[in-house]
Protein backbone atom coordinates (compact mmCIF):
# COMPACT_ATOMS: atom_id res chain seq x y z
CA MET A 1 -38.60 -155.59 -65.55
CA SER A 2 -40.97 -152.82 -64.45
CA LYS A 3 -38.68 -152.03 -61.45
CA LEU A 4 -35.73 -151.70 -63.85
CA ASN A 5 -37.64 -149.28 -66.07
CA SER A 6 -38.84 -147.16 -63.12
CA GLU A 7 -35.22 -146.95 -61.93
CA THR A 8 -34.01 -145.99 -65.41
CA HIS A 9 -36.38 -143.12 -65.42
CA SER A 10 -35.73 -141.93 -61.89
CA LYS A 11 -33.60 -138.94 -61.41
CA LEU A 12 -31.35 -138.11 -58.46
CA LYS A 13 -32.46 -135.14 -56.40
CA ILE A 14 -29.91 -133.05 -54.56
CA ILE A 15 -31.43 -130.78 -51.96
CA PRO A 16 -29.06 -128.46 -50.01
CA LEU A 17 -30.91 -127.65 -46.73
CA GLY A 18 -28.20 -125.12 -45.73
CA GLY A 19 -24.61 -124.02 -46.17
CA LEU A 20 -24.70 -122.37 -49.63
CA GLU A 21 -25.07 -118.73 -48.59
CA GLN A 22 -22.91 -118.73 -45.51
CA ILE A 23 -19.95 -120.33 -43.72
CA GLY A 24 -21.55 -123.12 -41.76
CA MET A 25 -24.83 -125.02 -41.34
CA ASN A 26 -23.79 -127.58 -43.96
CA ILE A 27 -26.48 -130.18 -44.67
CA THR A 28 -27.48 -131.73 -48.00
CA ALA A 29 -30.14 -134.38 -48.75
CA PHE A 30 -29.75 -136.83 -51.64
CA GLU A 31 -32.97 -138.51 -52.74
CA TYR A 32 -33.47 -141.27 -55.25
CA ALA A 33 -36.82 -143.06 -55.61
CA ASP A 34 -37.75 -144.11 -52.03
CA SER A 35 -34.41 -143.46 -50.41
CA ILE A 36 -32.98 -140.25 -48.86
CA ILE A 37 -29.47 -139.98 -47.28
CA VAL A 38 -28.17 -136.83 -45.66
CA VAL A 39 -24.54 -135.56 -45.79
CA ASP A 40 -23.51 -133.58 -42.69
CA CYS A 41 -25.62 -131.68 -40.18
CA GLY A 42 -24.03 -128.57 -38.99
CA ILE A 43 -24.70 -125.33 -37.09
CA ALA A 44 -24.02 -121.73 -37.99
CA PHE A 45 -23.09 -119.05 -35.44
CA PRO A 46 -25.44 -116.12 -35.06
CA GLU A 47 -25.11 -112.83 -36.86
CA ASP A 48 -24.45 -109.69 -34.74
CA ASP A 49 -28.15 -108.63 -35.13
CA MET A 50 -29.48 -112.05 -33.76
CA LEU A 51 -29.54 -110.73 -30.20
CA GLY A 52 -29.34 -113.39 -27.51
CA ILE A 53 -29.24 -116.30 -30.04
CA ASP A 54 -26.65 -119.05 -29.14
CA LEU A 55 -26.58 -120.83 -32.50
CA CYS A 56 -28.58 -121.55 -35.61
CA ILE A 57 -29.54 -125.02 -36.79
CA PRO A 58 -31.02 -125.94 -40.20
CA ASP A 59 -34.72 -126.30 -40.70
CA VAL A 60 -35.17 -129.96 -41.60
CA SER A 61 -38.99 -129.95 -42.18
CA TYR A 62 -38.30 -131.55 -45.66
CA LEU A 63 -36.68 -134.58 -43.89
CA VAL A 64 -39.48 -134.75 -41.32
CA GLU A 65 -42.12 -134.70 -44.12
CA HIS A 66 -40.29 -137.55 -45.87
CA ILE A 67 -39.11 -139.38 -42.77
CA ASP A 68 -40.16 -142.84 -44.15
CA LYS A 69 -37.52 -142.35 -46.89
CA VAL A 70 -34.63 -141.06 -44.72
CA LYS A 71 -32.03 -143.89 -44.23
CA GLY A 72 -29.09 -142.24 -42.50
CA PHE A 73 -26.66 -139.37 -41.92
CA PHE A 74 -23.15 -139.55 -43.48
CA ILE A 75 -20.79 -137.09 -41.75
CA THR A 76 -17.55 -135.89 -43.54
CA HIS A 77 -15.69 -134.67 -40.47
CA GLY A 78 -16.03 -133.49 -36.86
CA HIS A 79 -16.28 -129.74 -37.15
CA GLU A 80 -19.24 -127.88 -35.56
CA ASP A 81 -20.48 -126.60 -38.97
CA HIS A 82 -20.88 -130.33 -40.03
CA ILE A 83 -21.92 -132.11 -36.74
CA GLY A 84 -23.24 -129.40 -34.40
CA ALA A 85 -26.94 -129.67 -35.23
CA LEU A 86 -27.06 -133.51 -34.92
CA PRO A 87 -28.28 -133.51 -31.31
CA TYR A 88 -31.20 -131.25 -32.26
CA VAL A 89 -32.04 -132.80 -35.57
CA LEU A 90 -31.90 -136.47 -34.42
CA LYS A 91 -34.81 -135.74 -32.00
CA ASP A 92 -37.05 -135.42 -35.09
CA VAL A 93 -35.09 -137.50 -37.60
CA ASN A 94 -33.78 -140.47 -35.62
CA VAL A 95 -31.73 -142.53 -38.20
CA PRO A 96 -28.28 -144.06 -37.93
CA VAL A 97 -25.14 -141.82 -38.24
CA TYR A 98 -22.10 -143.00 -40.25
CA ALA A 99 -18.70 -141.45 -39.80
CA THR A 100 -14.99 -142.19 -39.10
CA LYS A 101 -13.65 -142.92 -35.66
CA LEU A 102 -12.70 -139.51 -34.31
CA THR A 103 -15.80 -137.92 -35.81
CA VAL A 104 -18.07 -140.53 -34.10
CA GLY A 105 -16.13 -139.80 -30.85
CA LEU A 106 -16.89 -136.13 -31.05
CA ILE A 107 -20.51 -136.80 -32.01
CA GLU A 108 -20.99 -139.20 -29.06
CA ARG A 109 -19.80 -136.52 -26.67
CA LYS A 110 -22.52 -134.25 -27.98
CA LEU A 111 -25.21 -136.90 -27.89
CA GLN A 112 -24.20 -137.67 -24.20
CA GLU A 113 -24.76 -134.03 -23.35
CA HIS A 114 -28.26 -134.25 -24.80
CA ASN A 115 -29.14 -137.66 -23.37
CA LEU A 116 -29.41 -139.18 -26.87
CA LEU A 117 -26.59 -141.73 -26.66
CA THR A 118 -28.83 -144.73 -26.03
CA THR A 119 -31.37 -143.82 -28.67
CA THR A 120 -28.98 -142.99 -31.53
CA LYS A 121 -27.29 -145.67 -33.65
CA ARG A 122 -23.65 -144.72 -34.44
CA ASN A 123 -21.51 -146.60 -36.97
CA VAL A 124 -17.74 -146.20 -37.27
CA VAL A 125 -16.62 -146.44 -40.93
CA LYS A 126 -13.00 -146.74 -42.19
CA HIS A 127 -11.64 -144.98 -45.24
CA GLY A 128 -12.17 -147.28 -48.25
CA GLN A 129 -15.31 -148.82 -46.73
CA THR A 130 -18.69 -148.53 -48.38
CA VAL A 131 -22.20 -148.46 -46.79
CA SER A 132 -25.29 -149.49 -48.63
CA LEU A 133 -28.58 -147.92 -47.68
CA GLY A 134 -31.77 -148.17 -49.79
CA ASP A 135 -30.83 -147.07 -53.36
CA PHE A 136 -27.53 -145.62 -52.26
CA ARG A 137 -24.06 -146.87 -51.75
CA VAL A 138 -21.58 -144.43 -49.98
CA GLU A 139 -17.87 -144.81 -49.99
CA PHE A 140 -15.61 -142.96 -47.53
CA ILE A 141 -12.40 -141.63 -49.07
CA GLN A 142 -9.34 -140.35 -47.18
CA THR A 143 -8.83 -136.58 -47.33
CA ASN A 144 -6.91 -133.98 -45.25
CA HIS A 145 -8.33 -131.03 -43.38
CA SER A 146 -7.71 -129.04 -40.21
CA ILE A 147 -9.16 -131.91 -38.20
CA THR A 148 -8.07 -135.51 -38.45
CA ASP A 149 -10.22 -138.29 -40.01
CA ALA A 150 -11.85 -136.10 -42.65
CA SER A 151 -13.53 -137.79 -45.61
CA ALA A 152 -14.77 -137.18 -49.03
CA LEU A 153 -17.80 -139.31 -50.05
CA ALA A 154 -18.51 -141.01 -53.32
CA ILE A 155 -22.29 -141.43 -53.51
CA TYR A 156 -23.44 -144.14 -55.90
CA CYS A 157 -27.05 -144.53 -57.12
CA PRO A 158 -28.64 -145.80 -60.33
CA ALA A 159 -28.71 -142.28 -61.78
CA GLY A 160 -24.89 -141.95 -61.45
CA VAL A 161 -22.02 -141.11 -59.06
CA VAL A 162 -21.66 -137.91 -57.05
CA VAL A 163 -18.37 -137.05 -55.39
CA HIS A 164 -18.73 -134.76 -52.40
CA THR A 165 -15.26 -133.50 -51.18
CA GLY A 166 -16.38 -132.37 -47.76
CA ASP A 167 -13.98 -129.78 -46.33
CA PHE A 168 -10.57 -130.67 -47.73
CA LYS A 169 -7.05 -129.67 -48.72
CA VAL A 170 -4.30 -131.69 -50.36
CA ASP A 171 -1.62 -132.40 -47.74
CA TYR A 172 1.17 -134.77 -48.76
CA THR A 173 2.81 -134.60 -45.27
CA PRO A 174 -0.02 -134.71 -42.69
CA ILE A 175 0.76 -134.88 -39.06
CA PHE A 176 -1.48 -137.82 -38.37
CA GLY A 177 -2.72 -140.42 -40.79
CA ASP A 178 -2.29 -140.68 -44.64
CA PRO A 179 -2.31 -138.15 -47.32
CA ILE A 180 -5.48 -137.57 -49.33
CA ASP A 181 -6.28 -140.66 -51.49
CA LEU A 182 -5.87 -138.98 -54.95
CA GLN A 183 -5.47 -142.48 -56.54
CA ARG A 184 -8.98 -143.53 -55.50
CA ILE A 185 -10.48 -140.25 -56.51
CA GLY A 186 -8.82 -140.67 -59.93
CA GLU A 187 -10.17 -144.28 -60.20
CA ILE A 188 -13.72 -143.10 -59.46
CA GLY A 189 -13.27 -140.33 -62.00
CA LYS A 190 -12.22 -142.69 -64.70
CA LYS A 191 -15.36 -144.77 -64.39
CA GLY A 192 -17.52 -141.65 -64.88
CA VAL A 193 -18.87 -139.13 -62.30
CA LEU A 194 -22.18 -137.33 -62.75
CA ALA A 195 -21.50 -134.45 -60.47
CA LEU A 196 -18.69 -133.01 -58.19
CA MET A 197 -19.69 -131.02 -55.08
CA CYS A 198 -16.45 -129.38 -54.17
CA ASP A 199 -15.40 -127.18 -51.16
CA SER A 200 -15.26 -123.50 -52.14
CA THR A 201 -13.96 -121.86 -48.92
CA ASN A 202 -10.52 -120.96 -50.28
CA ALA A 203 -11.40 -120.87 -54.04
CA GLU A 204 -10.49 -117.18 -54.15
CA ARG A 205 -6.88 -117.88 -53.14
CA GLU A 206 -4.30 -118.73 -55.81
CA GLY A 207 -1.89 -121.59 -55.59
CA PHE A 208 -1.76 -124.47 -53.01
CA THR A 209 -2.48 -124.53 -49.36
CA LYS A 210 0.66 -125.19 -47.20
CA SER A 211 0.97 -128.49 -45.34
CA GLU A 212 0.08 -128.54 -41.61
CA ARG A 213 3.59 -129.75 -40.94
CA THR A 214 5.02 -126.32 -41.91
CA ILE A 215 3.48 -124.85 -38.75
CA GLY A 216 5.62 -127.15 -36.61
CA VAL A 217 8.76 -125.37 -37.84
CA VAL A 218 7.14 -121.93 -37.03
CA PHE A 219 6.28 -123.02 -33.46
CA ASP A 220 9.83 -124.39 -32.96
CA THR A 221 11.18 -120.94 -33.97
CA LEU A 222 8.76 -118.99 -31.74
CA PHE A 223 9.54 -121.28 -28.73
CA ALA A 224 13.31 -120.70 -29.36
CA GLU A 225 12.87 -116.95 -29.58
CA HIS A 226 10.76 -116.53 -26.48
CA THR A 227 12.59 -118.54 -23.87
CA SER A 228 11.95 -115.90 -21.15
CA ASN A 229 8.19 -115.46 -21.78
CA ARG A 230 5.05 -117.36 -20.87
CA LEU A 231 3.39 -118.47 -24.10
CA VAL A 232 -0.39 -118.48 -24.69
CA VAL A 233 -1.50 -120.14 -27.91
CA ALA A 234 -5.07 -119.70 -29.11
CA THR A 235 -6.28 -122.17 -31.79
CA PHE A 236 -9.34 -124.16 -32.75
CA ALA A 237 -10.11 -126.91 -30.24
CA SER A 238 -10.75 -129.32 -33.03
CA ASN A 239 -7.35 -128.87 -34.68
CA VAL A 240 -5.85 -131.91 -33.01
CA ASP A 241 -2.74 -131.82 -35.32
CA ARG A 242 -2.05 -128.23 -34.38
CA VAL A 243 -2.33 -128.97 -30.65
CA GLN A 244 0.08 -131.97 -31.20
CA GLN A 245 2.66 -129.64 -32.79
CA ILE A 246 2.45 -127.15 -29.98
CA ILE A 247 2.81 -129.86 -27.43
CA ASN A 248 5.84 -131.25 -29.38
CA SER A 249 7.55 -127.86 -29.25
CA ALA A 250 6.64 -127.44 -25.54
CA TYR A 251 8.21 -130.83 -24.74
CA LYS A 252 11.33 -130.05 -26.78
CA TYR A 253 11.84 -126.75 -24.85
CA GLY A 254 10.99 -128.23 -21.38
CA ARG A 255 7.67 -126.46 -20.89
CA LYS A 256 4.62 -127.68 -19.07
CA VAL A 257 1.25 -127.51 -20.98
CA VAL A 258 -2.15 -126.31 -19.74
CA LEU A 259 -5.21 -126.94 -21.91
CA GLU A 260 -7.78 -124.26 -21.21
CA GLY A 261 -11.43 -124.02 -22.52
CA ARG A 262 -14.17 -126.64 -22.24
CA SER A 263 -14.11 -127.56 -25.94
CA MET A 264 -10.30 -127.80 -25.94
CA THR A 265 -10.25 -130.23 -23.02
CA ASN A 266 -13.12 -132.23 -24.42
CA VAL A 267 -11.68 -132.70 -27.88
CA ILE A 268 -8.15 -133.54 -26.74
CA GLU A 269 -9.47 -135.96 -24.10
CA ILE A 270 -11.42 -137.82 -26.86
CA ALA A 271 -8.46 -137.61 -29.32
CA GLN A 272 -6.11 -139.05 -26.65
CA GLU A 273 -8.54 -141.93 -25.78
CA LEU A 274 -8.79 -142.85 -29.48
CA GLY A 275 -5.05 -142.56 -30.14
CA TYR A 276 -5.10 -139.43 -32.43
CA ILE A 277 -2.71 -137.45 -30.26
CA GLN A 278 0.46 -138.52 -28.44
CA ILE A 279 1.26 -136.41 -25.32
CA PRO A 280 4.60 -137.15 -23.54
CA GLU A 281 4.30 -138.18 -19.92
CA ASN A 282 4.35 -135.36 -17.28
CA THR A 283 3.89 -132.67 -20.00
CA LEU A 284 0.15 -131.81 -19.33
CA ILE A 285 -0.55 -130.09 -16.02
CA ASP A 286 -3.79 -128.78 -14.49
CA VAL A 287 -4.44 -124.96 -14.53
CA ASP A 288 -4.17 -124.92 -10.69
CA GLU A 289 -0.56 -126.18 -10.97
CA LEU A 290 0.64 -123.15 -13.01
CA ARG A 291 1.75 -121.34 -9.89
CA ASN A 292 4.29 -124.19 -9.22
CA TYR A 293 6.31 -123.38 -12.38
CA PRO A 294 8.04 -120.24 -13.59
CA ASP A 295 6.24 -118.53 -16.44
CA GLU A 296 8.96 -119.24 -18.97
CA LYS A 297 8.45 -122.96 -18.39
CA THR A 298 4.74 -123.00 -19.21
CA VAL A 299 2.56 -122.75 -22.30
CA ILE A 300 -1.23 -122.40 -22.24
CA ILE A 301 -3.15 -123.80 -25.24
CA THR A 302 -6.62 -122.09 -25.23
CA THR A 303 -9.86 -121.65 -27.17
CA GLY A 304 -10.96 -118.15 -28.30
CA SER A 305 -9.00 -117.52 -31.46
CA GLN A 306 -12.11 -116.07 -33.05
CA GLY A 307 -12.74 -113.48 -30.34
CA GLU A 308 -15.77 -115.35 -28.88
CA SER A 309 -16.84 -113.39 -25.86
CA MET A 310 -17.25 -116.49 -23.60
CA ALA A 311 -14.19 -118.39 -24.71
CA ALA A 312 -11.17 -118.62 -22.39
CA LEU A 313 -8.86 -116.11 -24.24
CA SER A 314 -11.56 -113.40 -24.14
CA ARG A 315 -12.05 -114.02 -20.40
CA MET A 316 -8.22 -113.73 -19.85
CA ALA A 317 -8.09 -110.54 -22.01
CA THR A 318 -10.96 -108.87 -20.06
CA SER A 319 -9.60 -110.00 -16.63
CA VAL A 320 -12.64 -112.12 -15.79
CA HIS A 321 -10.90 -115.48 -15.99
CA LYS A 322 -10.87 -117.03 -12.55
CA LYS A 323 -7.44 -118.67 -12.73
CA ILE A 324 -5.31 -117.02 -15.45
CA ALA A 325 -4.40 -113.30 -15.71
CA ILE A 326 -2.47 -111.87 -18.66
CA LYS A 327 0.85 -110.42 -17.69
CA PRO A 328 3.09 -107.89 -19.48
CA ASN A 329 5.73 -110.57 -20.06
CA ASP A 330 3.23 -112.87 -21.92
CA THR A 331 3.47 -113.69 -25.62
CA ILE A 332 0.09 -114.58 -27.20
CA ILE A 333 0.13 -116.48 -30.49
CA LEU A 334 -3.10 -116.42 -32.50
CA SER A 335 -2.88 -119.73 -34.40
CA ALA A 336 -5.96 -119.20 -36.60
CA SER A 337 -7.18 -116.72 -39.11
CA PRO A 338 -10.53 -114.95 -38.53
CA ILE A 339 -13.54 -116.65 -39.97
CA PRO A 340 -15.36 -114.11 -42.26
CA GLY A 341 -17.50 -112.00 -39.97
CA ASN A 342 -15.28 -112.41 -36.89
CA GLU A 343 -12.62 -109.86 -37.79
CA LYS A 344 -14.08 -107.22 -35.41
CA ALA A 345 -14.15 -109.46 -32.37
CA VAL A 346 -10.63 -110.71 -33.05
CA SER A 347 -9.39 -107.08 -33.33
CA LYS A 348 -11.03 -106.16 -30.02
CA ILE A 349 -9.26 -109.10 -28.26
CA ILE A 350 -5.89 -108.13 -29.77
CA ASN A 351 -6.34 -104.54 -28.53
CA GLU A 352 -7.22 -105.70 -25.03
CA LEU A 353 -4.28 -108.12 -24.85
CA GLU A 354 -1.79 -105.48 -26.01
CA ALA A 355 -3.23 -102.91 -23.56
CA LYS A 356 -2.13 -105.31 -20.84
CA GLY A 357 1.43 -105.22 -22.16
CA ALA A 358 1.39 -108.63 -23.77
CA GLU A 359 3.01 -109.23 -27.17
CA VAL A 360 0.53 -110.59 -29.75
CA ILE A 361 1.80 -112.63 -32.74
CA LEU A 362 -0.72 -113.14 -35.61
CA ASP A 363 -1.15 -115.44 -38.58
CA VAL A 364 0.64 -118.53 -37.22
CA HIS A 365 -1.71 -120.61 -39.28
CA VAL A 366 -2.24 -122.64 -42.36
CA SER A 367 -5.75 -123.17 -43.76
CA GLY A 368 -7.56 -126.52 -43.84
CA HIS A 369 -9.15 -125.70 -47.22
CA ALA A 370 -7.95 -126.22 -50.79
CA CYS A 371 -6.79 -123.19 -52.83
CA SER A 372 -7.43 -122.87 -56.56
CA GLU A 373 -4.76 -125.20 -57.84
CA GLU A 374 -5.90 -128.04 -55.51
CA ILE A 375 -9.48 -127.54 -56.71
CA LYS A 376 -8.30 -127.84 -60.28
CA LEU A 377 -6.42 -131.07 -59.39
CA ILE A 378 -9.61 -132.59 -58.03
CA TYR A 379 -11.58 -131.53 -61.13
CA SER A 380 -8.97 -133.00 -63.33
CA LEU A 381 -9.11 -136.32 -61.41
CA VAL A 382 -12.91 -136.55 -61.04
CA ARG A 383 -13.81 -135.17 -64.50
CA PRO A 384 -17.45 -134.73 -63.54
CA LYS A 385 -20.30 -134.01 -65.98
CA TYR A 386 -21.61 -131.30 -63.63
CA ALA A 387 -19.90 -128.97 -61.28
CA ILE A 388 -21.80 -127.96 -58.09
CA PRO A 389 -19.70 -125.59 -55.96
CA VAL A 390 -20.63 -125.91 -52.27
CA HIS A 391 -19.42 -124.79 -48.84
CA GLY A 392 -19.10 -120.95 -48.47
CA GLU A 393 -20.66 -117.63 -49.18
CA PHE A 394 -21.68 -116.82 -52.69
CA ARG A 395 -18.40 -115.09 -53.47
CA HIS A 396 -16.48 -118.25 -52.55
CA ARG A 397 -18.71 -120.42 -54.76
CA HIS A 398 -18.53 -117.86 -57.60
CA ALA A 399 -14.70 -118.12 -57.37
CA GLN A 400 -15.03 -121.94 -57.96
CA GLU A 401 -17.38 -121.27 -60.77
CA LYS A 402 -14.60 -119.24 -62.45
CA ILE A 403 -12.22 -122.13 -61.92
CA ALA A 404 -14.65 -124.54 -63.53
CA ARG A 405 -15.12 -122.17 -66.53
CA ALA A 406 -11.32 -122.00 -66.90
CA LEU A 407 -11.29 -125.85 -67.07
CA GLY A 408 -13.80 -125.76 -69.97
CA TYR A 409 -17.20 -126.14 -68.18
CA ASP A 410 -20.10 -123.97 -69.58
CA SER A 411 -23.06 -122.49 -67.74
CA LYS A 412 -25.24 -125.63 -68.47
CA HIS A 413 -22.72 -127.76 -66.58
CA ILE A 414 -21.99 -125.48 -63.70
CA LEU A 415 -24.91 -125.57 -61.27
CA MET A 416 -24.95 -122.53 -58.90
CA ILE A 417 -27.87 -123.65 -56.82
CA ARG A 418 -29.18 -122.13 -53.58
CA SER A 419 -30.21 -123.65 -50.25
CA GLY A 420 -33.67 -125.14 -50.67
CA ASP A 421 -33.33 -125.82 -54.41
CA ILE A 422 -34.45 -129.28 -55.51
CA LEU A 423 -31.95 -130.14 -58.21
CA GLU A 424 -32.89 -133.16 -60.40
CA LEU A 425 -30.15 -134.67 -62.53
CA ASP A 426 -29.11 -137.65 -64.43
CA GLU A 427 -26.85 -138.30 -67.58
CA LYS A 428 -29.45 -136.60 -69.79
CA GLY A 429 -29.72 -133.31 -68.03
CA ALA A 430 -30.05 -131.31 -64.78
CA ALA A 431 -32.57 -128.75 -63.70
CA VAL A 432 -33.99 -127.07 -60.54
CA THR A 433 -37.50 -128.48 -60.40
CA GLY A 434 -38.84 -127.08 -57.11
CA ARG A 435 -38.12 -125.68 -53.65
CA ALA A 436 -37.95 -127.25 -50.27
CA HIS A 437 -38.69 -125.26 -47.09
CA VAL A 438 -35.36 -124.18 -45.62
CA GLY A 439 -34.14 -121.60 -43.05
CA SER A 440 -32.52 -121.17 -39.66
CA VAL A 441 -33.95 -122.41 -36.44
CA PHE A 442 -32.66 -120.39 -33.55
CA VAL A 443 -31.40 -121.98 -30.33
CA ASP A 444 -31.64 -119.69 -27.32
CA GLY A 445 -30.65 -121.36 -24.03
CA LEU A 446 -32.78 -124.55 -23.74
CA GLY A 447 -35.36 -123.21 -26.22
CA VAL A 448 -35.13 -124.54 -29.81
CA GLY A 449 -37.28 -122.80 -32.38
CA ASP A 450 -39.31 -120.77 -29.82
CA VAL A 451 -37.56 -117.61 -30.87
CA GLY A 452 -38.50 -116.59 -34.33
CA ASN A 453 -38.06 -113.53 -36.53
CA VAL A 454 -40.76 -111.58 -34.72
CA VAL A 455 -39.03 -112.04 -31.38
CA ILE A 456 -35.66 -111.11 -32.94
CA ARG A 457 -37.29 -108.00 -34.39
CA ASP A 458 -38.67 -107.10 -30.99
CA ARG A 459 -35.25 -107.59 -29.37
CA GLN A 460 -33.71 -105.24 -32.03
CA HIS A 461 -36.40 -102.67 -31.35
CA LEU A 462 -35.76 -102.87 -27.56
CA ALA A 463 -32.01 -102.65 -28.13
CA GLU A 464 -32.29 -99.62 -30.38
CA ASP A 465 -34.95 -97.50 -28.69
CA GLY A 466 -35.88 -99.05 -25.34
CA ILE A 467 -39.35 -99.58 -23.87
CA VAL A 468 -42.01 -97.34 -22.36
CA ILE A 469 -44.79 -98.93 -20.24
CA ILE A 470 -48.01 -96.98 -19.51
CA VAL A 471 -49.88 -98.18 -16.41
CA LEU A 472 -53.41 -97.09 -15.46
CA VAL A 473 -56.22 -98.46 -13.22
CA LEU A 474 -59.88 -98.32 -14.27
CA GLU A 475 -63.01 -98.96 -12.16
CA LYS A 476 -64.85 -102.13 -13.04
CA GLY A 477 -68.17 -101.50 -14.68
CA THR A 478 -67.95 -97.66 -14.99
CA GLY A 479 -64.54 -97.53 -16.73
CA GLN A 480 -63.67 -94.55 -14.50
CA LEU A 481 -59.95 -93.74 -14.28
CA LEU A 482 -58.84 -94.46 -10.60
CA ALA A 483 -55.11 -94.21 -10.87
CA GLY A 484 -52.45 -93.25 -13.40
CA PRO A 485 -51.56 -92.90 -16.16
CA ASP A 486 -47.99 -93.64 -14.86
CA ILE A 487 -45.02 -94.09 -17.14
CA VAL A 488 -42.18 -96.55 -16.58
CA SER A 489 -39.27 -96.56 -19.05
CA ARG A 490 -36.19 -98.68 -19.58
CA GLY A 491 -33.44 -98.09 -22.17
CA PHE A 492 -35.30 -95.08 -23.52
CA VAL A 493 -34.14 -92.00 -21.54
CA TYR A 494 -32.43 -91.44 -18.23
CA VAL A 495 -35.43 -90.73 -16.04
CA ARG A 496 -33.85 -88.27 -13.61
CA GLU A 497 -32.79 -86.01 -16.55
CA ALA A 498 -35.99 -86.28 -18.40
CA ASP A 499 -38.58 -85.11 -15.90
CA ALA A 500 -40.09 -82.53 -18.32
CA LEU A 501 -40.43 -85.08 -21.11
CA LEU A 502 -42.16 -87.58 -18.88
CA GLU A 503 -44.41 -85.00 -17.33
CA ASP A 504 -45.53 -83.79 -20.80
CA SER A 505 -45.99 -87.42 -21.84
CA THR A 506 -48.26 -87.95 -18.85
CA ASP A 507 -50.27 -84.82 -19.91
CA ILE A 508 -50.63 -86.23 -23.47
CA LEU A 509 -51.95 -89.54 -22.02
CA GLN A 510 -54.42 -87.77 -19.66
CA GLU A 511 -55.73 -85.67 -22.56
CA SER A 512 -56.12 -88.81 -24.64
CA LEU A 513 -58.04 -90.55 -21.80
CA ASP A 514 -60.33 -87.50 -21.33
CA SER A 515 -61.29 -87.37 -24.99
CA LEU A 516 -61.90 -91.19 -24.99
CA ALA A 517 -64.11 -90.79 -21.91
CA ASP A 518 -66.05 -87.94 -23.65
CA ALA A 519 -66.63 -90.15 -26.66
CA GLY A 520 -67.89 -93.01 -24.39
CA ILE A 521 -65.25 -95.38 -25.56
CA THR A 522 -64.63 -98.22 -22.98
CA ASP A 523 -63.15 -100.88 -25.26
CA TRP A 524 -59.67 -101.73 -23.88
CA GLY A 525 -58.20 -102.45 -27.31
CA LYS A 526 -59.20 -99.02 -28.66
CA ILE A 527 -58.03 -97.30 -25.47
CA LYS A 528 -54.60 -99.04 -25.68
CA ASN A 529 -54.12 -98.26 -29.39
CA THR A 530 -55.07 -94.55 -28.89
CA LEU A 531 -52.63 -94.14 -26.04
CA ARG A 532 -49.83 -95.92 -27.89
CA ASP A 533 -50.35 -93.94 -31.05
CA ASN A 534 -50.62 -90.53 -29.37
CA LEU A 535 -47.59 -91.07 -27.09
CA SER A 536 -45.55 -92.51 -30.00
CA SER A 537 -46.20 -89.41 -32.15
CA TYR A 538 -45.25 -87.06 -29.27
CA LEU A 539 -42.00 -88.98 -28.38
CA TRP A 540 -41.01 -89.09 -32.09
CA LYS A 541 -41.49 -85.33 -32.40
CA GLU A 542 -39.51 -84.61 -29.29
CA THR A 543 -36.72 -87.18 -29.43
CA ARG A 544 -36.67 -88.72 -32.95
CA ARG A 545 -36.92 -92.16 -31.24
CA ARG A 546 -39.51 -94.83 -31.39
CA PRO A 547 -39.43 -96.87 -28.21
CA MET A 548 -41.66 -99.95 -27.82
CA ILE A 549 -44.80 -98.73 -25.99
CA ILE A 550 -46.81 -101.20 -23.92
CA PRO A 551 -50.00 -99.94 -22.29
CA ILE A 552 -51.12 -101.93 -19.24
CA ILE A 553 -54.74 -101.51 -17.97
CA MET A 554 -55.78 -102.91 -14.62
CA GLU A 555 -59.31 -103.15 -13.40
CA VAL A 556 -60.53 -102.91 -9.83
């Protein structure tokens, strides 16, 4: 009886650990009594000012602090912003992972690269199945997205039911698998849903998102119109259905297909092994075999649709690709729209491709995210007590807030929470009751978390104004100046053309050292600070720049 009472009085805690202020790094903890489950575990790509950073992963210190409660990860689909951080996070939070077949296949490839395959428990779940862990029961529901095997989750606990859509769209004619299971979503809605956490990425767009199948017709037309050109199609590696349609058109028009880019070959290899893509025999060829076929009989499917500098398309555009060079007779099809923030990089690639004489065709794409009318459909089926817009920047979530208001929800029942908020809710009410520590952990090469904001700030400083190093040699014991001061600079001024500036700088330093010697100051810290301050003031006055100044004192 006491257990029942304690359960009756417990509230569900929803704690987004990332993903609510940006596109990417999606991860949310659900906590009830002594159980925590985690939905998704994604990365975000670095901003332009995060110099040298490869990717950002969520700070999961909340999960580490409550590790005894954490039961498992539930993954909605196989995109990087939902699975990319798993290999890093599982090192500290080693609990089982639950996902559909293709998603598990993609996760396993990542775990293999990080030598975590043997230590991580993976569980393949089919749509319609439920998994019970601690106080939670989680049901996987079929949805559609720009990657196959995407799922929505119905999360059951004693406080109520939460429906988490994952990334989704409503596609009645998907290329592979079944349409979204609206019937099951409606059945759950009829029984009563406490909260709906719905994808906001396309909430600003009116109407419905087109079916992925419509792109097949566009590719057929493009192949028919460009029979004398070599075709290069850039798309997301994970969009297996898109790759399937390009291969279908290539086969129909008698073209051989080359897959280019590491992530493209990886994903398609896994999809082929698991039966998610059908490639006709003798259609795929290796990049080295391109020379054996005329250009008009080949198509290259490549990564790099977002202008990523290291992706295959970028390397082709800048003539640094080892095996493929862009030719004036090439037609480049960008089968993806730029993710917010990538527009500049994509524009640069287009200019470089067109400068080589290639024709560039844009916007051969349909989104994998629901537009406003599909979001309304989900709301009308789920009929949640509370609306919690997720996935996207604030403007995307704000657009979903407007949709919810149009459907009759008021500000008490639309919960616009931030990453780190601890939202407690049950049938009686909902409120943010605290904050969890959240943030980005930077991955730079093999280092995870060893580059923090201070290092980034130093990198920005170095990038903007360069560095000046002061070198001097003092005699041990007496503190007498034996050599120097010498000045070495990088990224500040071109030394050969700045002789006068550097000579005057040396004079300033010599004067500073003389006055320090006259005052009897031998403390290295004081000497370094004085040299740094005096030189900094002089350089600012002469150049209006503030380089990083590092004094180095050697003693002999």
